[in-house]
Amino acid sequence: MNILLDIISVKTYDNYTLELVFENGEKRIFDMKPFLDKKPFVKLLNSSLFSQASVKYGTVVWPGNIDIAPETLWTKSVQAS
């Protein structure tokens, strides 16, 4: 299913996971660890930048012009319990 939903809120956790709320109201958990060895996300590892995640333009962004596609966040996340 191809779905493109905006993120409306994000919360970061110390274990490099993101708690996301999508515009349809679904809360999902996204694990950033598999991405942290790739540019530009490597800048988020062992840095205070990770906790500065915010929502802009319907996706998650960080200072330094770092963002991640909302469709990646949707397809690679799991429903929060």
PDB file of N, CA and C in Angstrom:
ATOM      1  N   MET A   1       0.836  -1.177   0.000  1.00  0.00           N
ATOM      2  CA  MET A   1       0.000   0.000   0.000  1.00  0.00           C
ATOM      3  C   MET A   1       0.882   1.243   0.000  1.00  0.00           C
ATOM      4  N   ASN A   2       0.752   2.069  -0.995  1.00  0.00           N
ATOM      5  CA  ASN A   2       1.484   3.326  -1.035  1.00  0.00           C
ATOM      6  C   ASN A   2       0.703   4.364  -0.256  1.00  0.00           C
ATOM      7  N   ILE A   3       1.310   4.826   0.807  1.00  0.00           N
ATOM      8  CA  ILE A   3       0.637   5.776   1.672  1.00  0.00           C
ATOM      9  C   ILE A   3       1.595   6.921   1.949  1.00  0.00           C
ATOM     10  N   LEU A   4       1.106   8.121   1.884  1.00  0.00           N
ATOM     11  CA  LEU A   4       1.933   9.281   2.178  1.00  0.00           C
ATOM     12  C   LEU A   4       1.185  10.146   3.178  1.00  0.00           C
ATOM     13  N   LEU A   5       1.561   9.978   4.433  1.00  0.00           N
ATOM     14  CA  LEU A   5       0.925  10.708   5.512  1.00  0.00           C
ATOM     15  C   LEU A   5       1.943  11.640   6.153  1.00  0.00           C
ATOM     16  N   ASP A   6       1.511  12.831   6.490  1.00  0.00           N
ATOM     17  CA  ASP A   6       2.379  13.767   7.192  1.00  0.00           C
ATOM     18  C   ASP A   6       2.533  13.348   8.646  1.00  0.00           C
ATOM     19  N   ILE A   7       3.687  13.660   9.195  1.00  0.00           N
ATOM     20  CA  ILE A   7       3.913  13.502  10.621  1.00  0.00           C
ATOM     21  C   ILE A   7       3.436  14.801  11.279  1.00  0.00           C
ATOM     22  N   ILE A   8       2.748  14.671  12.412  1.00  0.00           N
ATOM     23  CA  ILE A   8       2.287  15.878  13.104  1.00  0.00           C
ATOM     24  C   ILE A   8       3.013  16.100  14.431  1.00  0.00           C
ATOM     25  N   SER A   9       3.668  15.038  14.960  1.00  0.00           N
ATOM     26  CA  SER A   9       4.489  15.234  16.155  1.00  0.00           C
ATOM     27  C   SER A   9       5.562  14.157  16.237  1.00  0.00           C
ATOM     28  N   VAL A  10       6.653  14.514  16.927  1.00  0.00           N
ATOM     29  CA  VAL A  10       7.769  13.583  17.120  1.00  0.00           C
ATOM     30  C   VAL A  10       8.298  13.748  18.538  1.00  0.00           C
ATOM     31  N   LYS A  11       8.681  12.623  19.118  1.00  0.00           N
ATOM     32  CA  LYS A  11       9.333  12.604  20.425  1.00  0.00           C
ATOM     33  C   LYS A  11      10.547  11.701  20.287  1.00  0.00           C
ATOM     34  N   THR A  12      11.693  12.144  20.800  1.00  0.00           N
ATOM     35  CA  THR A  12      12.913  11.343  20.714  1.00  0.00           C
ATOM     36  C   THR A  12      13.160  10.599  22.016  1.00  0.00           C
ATOM     37  N   TYR A  13      13.858   9.470  21.894  1.00  0.00           N
ATOM     38  CA  TYR A  13      14.262   8.677  23.053  1.00  0.00           C
ATOM     39  C   TYR A  13      15.763   8.428  22.991  1.00  0.00           C
ATOM     40  N   ASP A  14      16.370   8.193  24.155  1.00  0.00           N
ATOM     41  CA  ASP A  14      17.817   8.018  24.246  1.00  0.00           C
ATOM     42  C   ASP A  14      18.346   6.832  23.441  1.00  0.00           C
ATOM     43  N   ASN A  15      17.498   5.882  23.115  1.00  0.00           N
ATOM     44  CA  ASN A  15      17.942   4.707  22.358  1.00  0.00           C
ATOM     45  C   ASN A  15      17.826   4.915  20.842  1.00  0.00           C
ATOM     46  N   TYR A  16      17.781   6.176  20.426  1.00  0.00           N
ATOM     47  CA  TYR A  16      17.701   6.557  19.006  1.00  0.00           C
ATOM     48  C   TYR A  16      16.432   6.062  18.328  1.00  0.00           C
ATOM     49  N   THR A  17      15.352   6.096  19.081  1.00  0.00           N
ATOM     50  CA  THR A  17      14.055   5.824  18.457  1.00  0.00           C
ATOM     51  C   THR A  17      13.230   7.105  18.466  1.00  0.00           C
ATOM     52  N   LEU A  18      12.298   7.149  17.544  1.00  0.00           N
ATOM     53  CA  LEU A  18      11.383   8.273  17.425  1.00  0.00           C
ATOM     54  C   LEU A  18       9.969   7.770  17.643  1.00  0.00           C
ATOM     55  N   GLU A  19       9.211   8.476  18.445  1.00  0.00           N
ATOM     56  CA  GLU A  19       7.782   8.215  18.564  1.00  0.00           C
ATOM     57  C   GLU A  19       7.095   9.231  17.664  1.00  0.00           C
ATOM     58  N   LEU A  20       6.395   8.733  16.674  1.00  0.00           N
ATOM     59  CA  LEU A  20       5.783   9.573  15.653  1.00  0.00           C
ATOM     60  C   LEU A  20       4.265   9.510  15.757  1.00  0.00           C
ATOM     61  N   VAL A  21       3.621  10.626  15.516  1.00  0.00           N
ATOM     62  CA  VAL A  21       2.168  10.636  15.346  1.00  0.00           C
ATOM     63  C   VAL A  21       1.917  11.153  13.935  1.00  0.00           C
ATOM     64  N   PHE A  22       1.190  10.338  13.163  1.00  0.00           N
ATOM     65  CA  PHE A  22       0.868  10.684  11.785  1.00  0.00           C
ATOM     66  C   PHE A  22      -0.488  11.385  11.731  1.00  0.00           C
ATOM     67  N   GLU A  23      -0.751  12.038  10.609  1.00  0.00           N
ATOM     68  CA  GLU A  23      -1.974  12.828  10.487  1.00  0.00           C
ATOM     69  C   GLU A  23      -3.253  12.005  10.603  1.00  0.00           C
ATOM     70  N   ASN A  24      -3.165  10.686  10.408  1.00  0.00           N
ATOM     71  CA  ASN A  24      -4.336   9.826  10.578  1.00  0.00           C
ATOM     72  C   ASN A  24      -4.541   9.430  12.039  1.00  0.00           C
ATOM     73  N   GLY A  25      -3.690   9.973  12.938  1.00  0.00           N
ATOM     74  CA  GLY A  25      -3.804   9.695  14.368  1.00  0.00           C
ATOM     75  C   GLY A  25      -3.010   8.497  14.832  1.00  0.00           C
ATOM     76  N   GLU A  26      -2.406   7.755  13.913  1.00  0.00           N
ATOM     77  CA  GLU A  26      -1.656   6.565  14.301  1.00  0.00           C
ATOM     78  C   GLU A  26      -0.323   6.945  14.923  1.00  0.00           C
ATOM     79  N   LYS A  27      -0.014   6.294  16.056  1.00  0.00           N
ATOM     80  CA  LYS A  27       1.257   6.486  16.745  1.00  0.00           C
ATOM     81  C   LYS A  27       2.165   5.308  16.388  1.00  0.00           C
ATOM     82  N   ARG A  28       3.382   5.631  15.922  1.00  0.00           N
ATOM     83  CA  ARG A  28       4.315   4.600  15.474  1.00  0.00           C
ATOM     84  C   ARG A  28       5.705   4.873  16.047  1.00  0.00           C
ATOM     85  N   ILE A  29       6.515   3.808  16.139  1.00  0.00           N
ATOM     86  CA  ILE A  29       7.885   3.893  16.645  1.00  0.00           C
ATOM     87  C   ILE A  29       8.844   3.593  15.497  1.00  0.00           C
ATOM     88  N   PHE A  30       9.820   4.490  15.320  1.00  0.00           N
ATOM     89  CA  PHE A  30      10.812   4.352  14.253  1.00  0.00           C
ATOM     90  C   PHE A  30      12.191   4.251  14.883  1.00  0.00           C
ATOM     91  N   ASP A  31      12.936   3.219  14.518  1.00  0.00           N
ATOM     92  CA  ASP A  31      14.286   2.984  15.033  1.00  0.00           C
ATOM     93  C   ASP A  31      15.296   3.629  14.079  1.00  0.00           C
ATOM     94  N   MET A  32      15.986   4.653  14.525  1.00  0.00           N
ATOM     95  CA  MET A  32      16.975   5.342  13.694  1.00  0.00           C
ATOM     96  C   MET A  32      18.322   4.637  13.645  1.00  0.00           C
ATOM     97  N   LYS A  33      18.578   3.689  14.543  1.00  0.00           N
ATOM     98  CA  LYS A  33      19.913   3.081  14.629  1.00  0.00           C
ATOM     99  C   LYS A  33      20.434   2.546  13.291  1.00  0.00           C
ATOM    100  N   PRO A  34      19.629   1.867  12.466  1.00  0.00           N
ATOM    101  CA  PRO A  34      20.163   1.375  11.191  1.00  0.00           C
ATOM    102  C   PRO A  34      20.579   2.485  10.212  1.00  0.00           C
ATOM    103  N   PHE A  35      20.179   3.704  10.459  1.00  0.00           N
ATOM    104  CA  PHE A  35      20.473   4.824   9.561  1.00  0.00           C
ATOM    105  C   PHE A  35      21.670   5.652  10.012  1.00  0.00           C
ATOM    106  N   LEU A  36      22.123   5.435  11.248  1.00  0.00           N
ATOM    107  CA  LEU A  36      23.113   6.319  11.848  1.00  0.00           C
ATOM    108  C   LEU A  36      24.525   6.147  11.306  1.00  0.00           C
ATOM    109  N   ASP A  37      24.746   5.165  10.441  1.00  0.00           N
ATOM    110  CA  ASP A  37      26.067   5.029   9.810  1.00  0.00           C
ATOM    111  C   ASP A  37      26.050   5.573   8.385  1.00  0.00           C
ATOM    112  N   LYS A  38      24.959   6.224   8.011  1.00  0.00           N
ATOM    113  CA  LYS A  38      24.800   6.774   6.663  1.00  0.00           C
ATOM    114  C   LYS A  38      24.709   8.298   6.733  1.00  0.00           C
ATOM    115  N   LYS A  39      25.246   8.950   5.700  1.00  0.00           N
ATOM    116  CA  LYS A  39      25.103  10.401   5.608  1.00  0.00           C
ATOM    117  C   LYS A  39      23.660  10.739   5.299  1.00  0.00           C
ATOM    118  N   PRO A  40      23.142  11.786   5.807  1.00  0.00           N
ATOM    119  CA  PRO A  40      23.706  12.759   6.746  1.00  0.00           C
ATOM    120  C   PRO A  40      23.455  12.388   8.205  1.00  0.00           C
ATOM    121  N   PHE A  41      22.853  11.227   8.437  1.00  0.00           N
ATOM    122  CA  PHE A  41      22.402  10.870   9.792  1.00  0.00           C
ATOM    123  C   PHE A  41      23.541  10.581  10.748  1.00  0.00           C
ATOM    124  N   VAL A  42      24.734  10.296  10.241  1.00  0.00           N
ATOM    125  CA  VAL A  42      25.884  10.015  11.102  1.00  0.00           C
ATOM    126  C   VAL A  42      26.138  11.186  12.057  1.00  0.00           C
ATOM    127  N   LYS A  43      25.744  12.383  11.663  1.00  0.00           N
ATOM    128  CA  LYS A  43      25.913  13.565  12.511  1.00  0.00           C
ATOM    129  C   LYS A  43      25.053  13.494  13.779  1.00  0.00           C
ATOM    130  N   LEU A  44      24.020  12.656  13.765  1.00  0.00           N
ATOM    131  CA  LEU A  44      23.111  12.552  14.909  1.00  0.00           C
ATOM    132  C   LEU A  44      23.638  11.623  15.994  1.00  0.00           C
ATOM    133  N   LEU A  45      24.588  10.769  15.650  1.00  0.00           N
ATOM    134  CA  LEU A  45      25.118   9.775  16.581  1.00  0.00           C
ATOM    135  C   LEU A  45      26.015  10.455  17.611  1.00  0.00           C
ATOM    136  N   ASN A  46      25.828  10.108  18.865  1.00  0.00           N
ATOM    137  CA  ASN A  46      26.638  10.645  19.965  1.00  0.00           C
ATOM    138  C   ASN A  46      26.680  12.171  19.944  1.00  0.00           C
ATOM    139  N   SER A  47      25.543  12.754  19.706  1.00  0.00           N
ATOM    140  CA  SER A  47      25.452  14.207  19.603  1.00  0.00           C
ATOM    141  C   SER A  47      24.129  14.642  20.218  1.00  0.00           C
ATOM    142  N   SER A  48      24.087  15.883  20.638  1.00  0.00           N
ATOM    143  CA  SER A  48      22.827  16.411  21.178  1.00  0.00           C
ATOM    144  C   SER A  48      21.829  16.709  20.055  1.00  0.00           C
ATOM    145  N   LEU A  49      22.277  16.619  18.805  1.00  0.00           N
ATOM    146  CA  LEU A  49      21.392  16.908  17.675  1.00  0.00           C
ATOM    147  C   LEU A  49      20.175  15.994  17.624  1.00  0.00           C
ATOM    148  N   PHE A  50      20.351  14.717  17.944  1.00  0.00           N
ATOM    149  CA  PHE A  50      19.243  13.773  17.806  1.00  0.00           C
ATOM    150  C   PHE A  50      18.017  14.245  18.582  1.00  0.00           C
ATOM    151  N   SER A  51      18.235  14.721  19.792  1.00  0.00           N
ATOM    152  CA  SER A  51      17.104  15.133  20.636  1.00  0.00           C
ATOM    153  C   SER A  51      16.458  16.433  20.170  1.00  0.00           C
ATOM    154  N   GLN A  52      17.037  17.082  19.163  1.00  0.00           N
ATOM    155  CA  GLN A  52      16.491  18.332  18.644  1.00  0.00           C
ATOM    156  C   GLN A  52      15.561  18.116  17.453  1.00  0.00           C
ATOM    157  N   ALA A  53      15.113  16.890  17.264  1.00  0.00           N
ATOM    158  CA  ALA A  53      14.186  16.596  16.166  1.00  0.00           C
ATOM    159  C   ALA A  53      12.915  17.420  16.321  1.00  0.00           C
ATOM    160  N   SER A  54      12.398  17.852  15.187  1.00  0.00           N
ATOM    161  CA  SER A  54      11.128  18.569  15.171  1.00  0.00           C
ATOM    162  C   SER A  54      10.393  18.224  13.883  1.00  0.00           C
ATOM    163  N   VAL A  55       9.175  18.703  13.772  1.00  0.00           N
ATOM    164  CA  VAL A  55       8.375  18.435  12.573  1.00  0.00           C
ATOM    165  C   VAL A  55       8.268  19.708  11.755  1.00  0.00           C
ATOM    166  N   LYS A  56       8.632  19.589  10.472  1.00  0.00           N
ATOM    167  CA  LYS A  56       8.444  20.669   9.502  1.00  0.00           C
ATOM    168  C   LYS A  56       8.085  20.032   8.177  1.00  0.00           C
ATOM    169  N   TYR A  57       7.194  20.690   7.470  1.00  0.00           N
ATOM    170  CA  TYR A  57       6.816  20.230   6.131  1.00  0.00           C
ATOM    171  C   TYR A  57       6.298  18.788   6.135  1.00  0.00           C
ATOM    172  N   GLY A  58       5.733  18.339   7.250  1.00  0.00           N
ATOM    173  CA  GLY A  58       5.145  17.008   7.320  1.00  0.00           C
ATOM    174  C   GLY A  58       6.118  15.884   7.566  1.00  0.00           C
ATOM    175  N   THR A  59       7.364  16.199   7.917  1.00  0.00           N
ATOM    176  CA  THR A  59       8.337  15.159   8.207  1.00  0.00           C
ATOM    177  C   THR A  59       9.221  15.578   9.377  1.00  0.00           C
ATOM    178  N   VAL A  60      10.142  14.696   9.754  1.00  0.00           N
ATOM    179  CA  VAL A  60      11.048  14.961  10.867  1.00  0.00           C
ATOM    180  C   VAL A  60      12.312  15.618  10.323  1.00  0.00           C
ATOM    181  N   VAL A  61      12.717  16.677  10.995  1.00  0.00           N
ATOM    182  CA  VAL A  61      13.926  17.412  10.612  1.00  0.00           C
ATOM    183  C   VAL A  61      14.797  17.650  11.842  1.00  0.00           C
ATOM    184  N   TRP A  62      16.091  17.876  11.570  1.00  0.00           N
ATOM    185  CA  TRP A  62      17.064  18.232  12.597  1.00  0.00           C
ATOM    186  C   TRP A  62      17.841  19.449  12.136  1.00  0.00           C
ATOM    187  N   PRO A  63      18.455  20.163  13.076  1.00  0.00           N
ATOM    188  CA  PRO A  63      19.324  21.270  12.676  1.00  0.00           C
ATOM    189  C   PRO A  63      20.429  20.768  11.734  1.00  0.00           C
ATOM    190  N   GLY A  64      20.903  21.642  10.886  1.00  0.00           N
ATOM    191  CA  GLY A  64      21.948  21.249   9.954  1.00  0.00           C
ATOM    192  C   GLY A  64      21.393  20.724   8.644  1.00  0.00           C
ATOM    193  N   ASN A  65      20.117  21.018   8.389  1.00  0.00           N
ATOM    194  CA  ASN A  65      19.492  20.620   7.120  1.00  0.00           C
ATOM    195  C   ASN A  65      19.384  19.099   6.961  1.00  0.00           C
ATOM    196  N   ILE A  66      19.092  18.409   8.058  1.00  0.00           N
ATOM    197  CA  ILE A  66      18.933  16.948   8.046  1.00  0.00           C
ATOM    198  C   ILE A  66      17.446  16.636   8.135  1.00  0.00           C
ATOM    199  N   ASP A  67      16.974  15.778   7.232  1.00  0.00           N
ATOM    200  CA  ASP A  67      15.582  15.333   7.309  1.00  0.00           C
ATOM    201  C   ASP A  67      15.486  13.906   6.797  1.00  0.00           C
ATOM    202  N   ILE A  68      14.325  13.330   6.963  1.00  0.00           N
ATOM    203  CA  ILE A  68      14.085  11.953   6.528  1.00  0.00           C
ATOM    204  C   ILE A  68      12.691  11.908   5.901  1.00  0.00           C
ATOM    205  N   ALA A  69      12.575  11.151   4.836  1.00  0.00           N
ATOM    206  CA  ALA A  69      11.320  11.098   4.082  1.00  0.00           C
ATOM    207  C   ALA A  69      10.191  10.515   4.928  1.00  0.00           C
ATOM    208  N   PRO A  70       9.003  11.132   4.876  1.00  0.00           N
ATOM    209  CA  PRO A  70       7.888  10.621   5.670  1.00  0.00           C
ATOM    210  C   PRO A  70       7.475   9.215   5.252  1.00  0.00           C
ATOM    211  N   GLU A  71       7.637   8.867   3.973  1.00  0.00           N
ATOM    212  CA  GLU A  71       7.281   7.504   3.565  1.00  0.00           C
ATOM    213  C   GLU A  71       8.233   6.468   4.164  1.00  0.00           C
ATOM    214  N   THR A  72       9.493   6.834   4.377  1.00  0.00           N
ATOM    215  CA  THR A  72      10.432   5.952   5.072  1.00  0.00           C
ATOM    216  C   THR A  72      10.007   5.780   6.517  1.00  0.00           C
ATOM    217  N   LEU A  73       9.634   6.882   7.136  1.00  0.00           N
ATOM    218  CA  LEU A  73       9.193   6.823   8.531  1.00  0.00           C
ATOM    219  C   LEU A  73       7.966   5.933   8.687  1.00  0.00           C
ATOM    220  N   TRP A  74       7.068   5.968   7.723  1.00  0.00           N
ATOM    221  CA  TRP A  74       5.862   5.153   7.782  1.00  0.00           C
ATOM    222  C   TRP A  74       6.177   3.668   7.544  1.00  0.00           C
ATOM    223  N   THR A  75       6.891   3.375   6.457  1.00  0.00           N
ATOM    224  CA  THR A  75       7.091   1.971   6.066  1.00  0.00           C
ATOM    225  C   THR A  75       8.053   1.225   6.984  1.00  0.00           C
ATOM    226  N   LYS A  76       8.970   1.935   7.618  1.00  0.00           N
ATOM    227  CA  LYS A  76       9.971   1.272   8.460  1.00  0.00           C
ATOM    228  C   LYS A  76       9.682   1.420   9.947  1.00  0.00           C
ATOM    229  N   SER A  77       8.518   1.911  10.281  1.00  0.00           N
ATOM    230  CA  SER A  77       8.146   2.035  11.687  1.00  0.00           C
ATOM    231  C   SER A  77       7.151   0.936  12.056  1.00  0.00           C
ATOM    232  N   VAL A  78       6.964   0.780  13.347  1.00  0.00           N
ATOM    233  CA  VAL A  78       5.980  -0.193  13.841  1.00  0.00           C
ATOM    234  C   VAL A  78       4.958   0.531  14.694  1.00  0.00           C
ATOM    235  N   GLN A  79       3.790  -0.023  14.723  1.00  0.00           N
ATOM    236  CA  GLN A  79       2.719   0.592  15.508  1.00  0.00           C
ATOM    237  C   GLN A  79       3.080   0.562  16.988  1.00  0.00           C
ATOM    238  N   ALA A  80       2.900   1.683  17.641  1.00  0.00           N
ATOM    239  CA  ALA A  80       3.177   1.768  19.081  1.00  0.00           C
ATOM    240  C   ALA A  80       2.095   1.008  19.835  1.00  0.00           C
ATOM    241  N   SER A  81       2.529   0.401  20.926  1.00  0.00           N
ATOM    242  CA  SER A  81       1.550  -0.348  21.719  1.00  0.00           C
ATOM    243  C   SER A  81       0.962   0.491  22.821  1.00  0.00           C
TER     244      SER A  81
END
